[in-house]
N, C-alpha and C. Protein backbone atom coordinates (compact mmCIF):
# COMPACT_ATOMS: atom_id res chain seq x y z
N MET A 1 -159.37 15.87 4.15
CA MET A 1 -160.59 14.89 3.49
C MET A 1 -161.69 15.79 3.04
N GLU A 2 -161.75 17.39 3.41
CA GLU A 2 -162.30 17.73 2.34
C GLU A 2 -161.99 17.63 1.03
N LEU A 3 -160.62 18.04 0.79
CA LEU A 3 -160.26 18.40 -0.71
C LEU A 3 -160.94 16.76 -1.52
N VAL A 4 -160.32 15.73 -0.75
CA VAL A 4 -161.02 14.35 -1.17
C VAL A 4 -162.64 14.23 -1.90
N THR A 5 -163.26 14.91 -0.67
CA THR A 5 -164.67 14.96 -1.20
C THR A 5 -165.22 15.78 -2.20
N LEU A 6 -164.44 16.84 -2.09
CA LEU A 6 -164.28 17.77 -3.77
C LEU A 6 -164.13 17.19 -4.81
N ILE A 7 -163.23 16.47 -4.53
CA ILE A 7 -162.72 15.95 -6.19
C ILE A 7 -163.59 14.54 -6.71
N GLN A 8 -164.28 14.06 -5.48
CA GLN A 8 -165.13 13.00 -6.16
C GLN A 8 -166.86 13.66 -6.37
N ASP A 9 -166.57 14.91 -6.13
CA ASP A 9 -167.88 15.18 -6.38
C ASP A 9 -168.08 15.75 -7.77
N GLN A 10 -169.07 15.64 -8.69
CA GLN A 10 -169.01 15.61 -10.24
C GLN A 10 -169.21 17.11 -10.40
N ASP A 11 -169.79 17.94 -10.10
CA ASP A 11 -170.42 18.98 -9.99
C ASP A 11 -169.00 20.15 -9.79
N PHE A 12 -168.48 19.91 -8.74
CA PHE A 12 -167.07 20.76 -8.47
C PHE A 12 -166.26 20.32 -9.72
N THR A 13 -165.75 18.89 -9.83
CA THR A 13 -165.17 18.41 -10.91
C THR A 13 -165.42 19.53 -12.52
N THR A 14 -166.58 19.58 -12.58
CA THR A 14 -167.15 20.27 -14.43
C THR A 14 -166.56 21.15 -13.77
N ARG A 15 -167.22 22.15 -12.67
CA ARG A 15 -166.88 23.46 -12.68
C ARG A 15 -165.49 24.19 -12.64
N VAL A 16 -164.64 23.03 -12.17
CA VAL A 16 -162.82 23.33 -12.01
C VAL A 16 -162.81 23.00 -13.75
N ARG A 17 -163.33 21.97 -14.32
CA ARG A 17 -162.49 21.87 -15.23
C ARG A 17 -163.39 23.32 -16.21
N THR A 18 -164.50 23.62 -16.31
CA THR A 18 -165.16 24.82 -17.00
C THR A 18 -163.92 25.86 -17.16
N MET A 19 -164.02 26.30 -15.61
CA MET A 19 -163.30 27.46 -15.50
C MET A 19 -161.67 27.38 -16.07
N ALA A 20 -161.31 26.13 -15.39
CA ALA A 20 -159.67 26.27 -16.44
C ALA A 20 -159.83 26.08 -18.53
N GLN A 21 -160.83 26.04 -18.74
CA GLN A 21 -160.85 25.92 -19.99
C GLN A 21 -161.23 27.52 -20.10
N ARG A 22 -162.07 27.92 -19.65
CA ARG A 22 -162.16 29.44 -19.90
C ARG A 22 -161.11 30.62 -19.83
N GLY A 23 -160.21 30.23 -18.98
CA GLY A 23 -158.97 30.36 -18.75
C GLY A 23 -157.92 30.43 -19.83
N ALA A 24 -157.89 29.28 -20.27
CA ALA A 24 -157.07 29.10 -21.49
C ALA A 24 -157.44 29.62 -22.49
N ALA A 25 -158.57 29.80 -22.74
CA ALA A 25 -159.56 29.91 -24.19
C ALA A 25 -159.00 31.30 -23.89
N GLN A 26 -158.84 32.51 -22.86
CA GLN A 26 -158.46 33.88 -22.77
C GLN A 26 -156.82 34.11 -22.84
N HIS A 27 -156.40 33.25 -23.21
CA HIS A 27 -154.88 33.39 -22.89
C HIS A 27 -154.50 34.38 -24.03
N VAL A 28 -153.55 35.39 -23.15
CA VAL A 28 -153.36 36.54 -24.12
C VAL A 28 -151.70 36.75 -24.85
N SER A 29 -151.54 37.05 -25.84
CA SER A 29 -150.12 37.17 -26.75
C SER A 29 -149.44 38.05 -25.83
N GLU A 30 -148.12 37.01 -26.43
CA GLU A 30 -146.91 38.08 -25.46
C GLU A 30 -146.95 39.88 -25.87
N GLU A 31 -147.43 39.87 -27.13
CA GLU A 31 -147.26 41.04 -27.88
C GLU A 31 -147.97 41.95 -27.06
N ALA A 32 -149.76 41.69 -26.87
CA ALA A 32 -150.70 42.35 -25.87
C ALA A 32 -150.71 42.20 -24.53
N THR A 33 -149.67 41.39 -24.37
CA THR A 33 -149.01 41.60 -22.72
C THR A 33 -148.27 42.97 -22.28
N ILE A 34 -147.17 42.93 -23.29
CA ILE A 34 -146.30 43.94 -23.32
C ILE A 34 -146.83 45.24 -23.55
N GLY A 35 -148.32 45.28 -24.67
CA GLY A 35 -148.53 46.98 -24.78
C GLY A 35 -149.41 46.99 -23.46
N GLN A 36 -150.08 45.76 -23.04
CA GLN A 36 -150.61 46.33 -22.08
C GLN A 36 -149.62 46.87 -20.47
N ARG A 37 -148.59 46.32 -20.58
CA ARG A 37 -147.77 46.75 -19.33
C ARG A 37 -147.35 48.05 -20.01
N GLU A 38 -146.83 48.30 -20.75
CA GLU A 38 -146.39 49.80 -21.41
C GLU A 38 -147.40 50.76 -21.16
N ALA A 39 -148.71 50.37 -21.59
CA ALA A 39 -150.16 51.44 -21.41
C ALA A 39 -150.02 51.51 -19.84
N PHE A 40 -149.62 50.72 -18.70
CA PHE A 40 -149.86 50.95 -17.56
C PHE A 40 -148.76 51.49 -16.71
N ASN A 41 -147.65 51.75 -17.32
CA ASN A 41 -146.78 52.49 -17.09
C ASN A 41 -146.60 54.07 -17.50
N THR A 42 -147.33 54.03 -18.77
CA THR A 42 -147.25 55.44 -19.37
C THR A 42 -148.82 56.19 -18.87
N VAL A 43 -149.61 55.65 -18.74
CA VAL A 43 -151.19 56.16 -18.88
C VAL A 43 -151.47 55.94 -17.37
N LEU A 44 -151.15 54.80 -16.53
CA LEU A 44 -152.52 55.01 -15.46
C LEU A 44 -151.15 55.16 -14.29
N ALA A 45 -149.80 54.73 -14.26
CA ALA A 45 -148.91 55.12 -13.24
C ALA A 45 -148.92 56.04 -12.42
N ALA A 46 -148.02 57.24 -13.55
CA ALA A 46 -147.94 58.86 -13.26
C ALA A 46 -149.37 59.52 -12.87
N PRO A 47 -150.60 59.29 -13.65
CA PRO A 47 -151.92 60.09 -13.11
C PRO A 47 -152.27 59.33 -11.74
N CYS A 48 -152.35 58.37 -11.78
CA CYS A 48 -152.47 57.72 -9.76
C CYS A 48 -151.15 57.73 -9.01
N ALA A 49 -150.41 58.23 -9.05
CA ALA A 49 -149.27 58.48 -8.48
C ALA A 49 -149.47 60.24 -7.94
N GLN A 50 -149.84 60.62 -9.33
CA GLN A 50 -150.02 62.36 -8.83
C GLN A 50 -151.67 62.62 -7.90
N ALA A 51 -152.67 61.81 -8.18
CA ALA A 51 -153.56 61.76 -7.74
C ALA A 51 -153.61 61.43 -6.32
N HIS A 52 -152.66 60.50 -5.71
CA HIS A 52 -152.41 60.29 -4.70
C HIS A 52 -151.51 61.13 -3.45
N ALA A 53 -150.57 61.68 -4.72
CA ALA A 53 -149.68 62.75 -3.87
C ALA A 53 -150.57 64.18 -3.61
N GLU A 54 -151.81 64.37 -4.17
CA GLU A 54 -152.22 65.33 -4.16
C GLU A 54 -153.23 65.13 -3.18
N GLY A 55 -153.75 64.00 -2.91
CA GLY A 55 -154.83 63.75 -2.13
C GLY A 55 -156.33 63.82 -2.37
N ILE A 56 -156.36 63.30 -3.52
CA ILE A 56 -157.49 63.20 -4.33
C ILE A 56 -158.68 61.76 -3.84
N ASP A 57 -159.50 62.30 -3.08
CA ASP A 57 -160.39 60.80 -2.73
C ASP A 57 -160.64 60.15 -3.96
N PRO A 58 -160.54 58.94 -4.10
CA PRO A 58 -160.54 58.25 -4.88
C PRO A 58 -162.33 58.06 -5.35
N THR A 59 -163.23 57.98 -4.20
CA THR A 59 -164.64 58.07 -4.20
C THR A 59 -165.42 59.76 -4.16
N SER A 60 -164.24 60.88 -4.39
CA SER A 60 -165.08 61.82 -4.64
C SER A 60 -165.45 62.12 -6.11
N ALA A 61 -165.83 63.15 -6.55
CA ALA A 61 -166.36 63.43 -7.74
C ALA A 61 -165.08 63.75 -8.83
N ALA A 62 -164.06 63.99 -8.03
CA ALA A 62 -163.02 64.71 -9.25
C ALA A 62 -162.06 63.39 -9.43
N GLY A 63 -162.37 62.07 -7.81
CA GLY A 63 -161.66 60.93 -8.10
C GLY A 63 -162.21 60.06 -9.30
N MET A 64 -163.63 59.82 -9.07
CA MET A 64 -164.09 59.04 -9.81
C MET A 64 -164.12 59.85 -11.40
N ALA A 65 -164.02 61.00 -11.46
CA ALA A 65 -163.87 61.67 -13.07
C ALA A 65 -162.69 60.98 -13.55
N LEU A 66 -161.61 61.61 -12.62
CA LEU A 66 -160.07 61.11 -13.18
C LEU A 66 -160.14 59.55 -13.18
N ALA A 67 -160.54 58.38 -12.25
CA ALA A 67 -160.71 57.13 -12.38
C ALA A 67 -161.16 56.64 -13.80
N THR A 68 -162.38 57.17 -14.54
CA THR A 68 -163.09 57.09 -15.66
C THR A 68 -162.24 57.75 -16.35
N MET A 69 -161.45 58.80 -16.75
CA MET A 69 -160.52 59.33 -17.92
C MET A 69 -159.22 58.49 -17.81
N ILE A 70 -158.83 58.01 -16.80
CA ILE A 70 -157.82 57.13 -16.89
C ILE A 70 -157.63 55.77 -17.29
N THR A 71 -158.92 55.00 -17.07
CA THR A 71 -159.64 53.34 -17.60
C THR A 71 -159.84 53.80 -19.03
N ALA A 72 -160.50 54.89 -19.76
CA ALA A 72 -160.61 54.93 -21.09
C ALA A 72 -159.42 55.12 -21.68
N ALA A 73 -158.10 56.11 -20.92
CA ALA A 73 -157.05 56.16 -22.06
C ALA A 73 -156.21 54.82 -21.99
N TYR A 74 -156.38 54.33 -21.07
CA TYR A 74 -155.51 53.07 -20.43
C TYR A 74 -156.02 52.20 -21.63
N ALA A 75 -157.22 51.68 -21.49
CA ALA A 75 -158.25 50.80 -22.50
C ALA A 75 -157.93 51.43 -24.02
N GLU A 76 -157.76 52.36 -24.35
CA GLU A 76 -157.19 52.75 -25.84
C GLU A 76 -155.56 52.45 -26.09
N THR A 77 -154.85 52.72 -25.17
CA THR A 77 -153.71 52.80 -25.30
C THR A 77 -153.17 51.09 -25.13
N ALA A 78 -154.00 50.21 -24.51
CA ALA A 78 -153.74 49.00 -24.52
C ALA A 78 -154.46 48.26 -25.29
N GLY A 79 -155.07 49.06 -26.29
CA GLY A 79 -156.14 48.31 -27.61
C GLY A 79 -157.34 47.22 -26.61
N LEU A 80 -157.54 47.85 -26.04
CA LEU A 80 -158.52 47.14 -24.94
C LEU A 80 -160.16 47.67 -25.38
N HIS A 81 -160.04 49.00 -25.93
CA HIS A 81 -161.23 49.80 -26.01
C HIS A 81 -162.39 49.11 -26.33
N ASP A 82 -162.56 47.92 -27.22
CA ASP A 82 -163.61 47.20 -27.33
C ASP A 82 -164.31 46.34 -26.20
N GLN A 83 -163.33 46.14 -25.32
CA GLN A 83 -163.42 45.67 -23.86
C GLN A 83 -164.16 46.28 -22.91
N TRP A 84 -163.91 47.85 -23.16
CA TRP A 84 -164.06 48.69 -21.97
C TRP A 84 -165.58 49.48 -22.34
N ASN A 85 -166.31 49.59 -21.46
CA ASN A 85 -167.99 50.08 -21.46
C ASN A 85 -167.82 51.24 -20.75
N GLY A 86 -167.13 51.74 -21.06
CA GLY A 86 -166.97 53.32 -20.08
C GLY A 86 -168.16 54.49 -20.68
């Protein structure tokens, strides 16, 4: 019953349509997706695994500094540097 009520609500359907349009507009090319996946594997995975193995607390100063460094490196490698506000 609730779904029927939502579908009949003009504000709800407008909001869902807007979200779908925004999602479609943000479609990423296959090439960009591959680049981001490679960047994840080379830039993020190993340092994160190392930090975890060393027991670095992600909320500590060292953890935050590492997260900032890794995020910046990932953004640069994945070609997302213009979207990162580090």
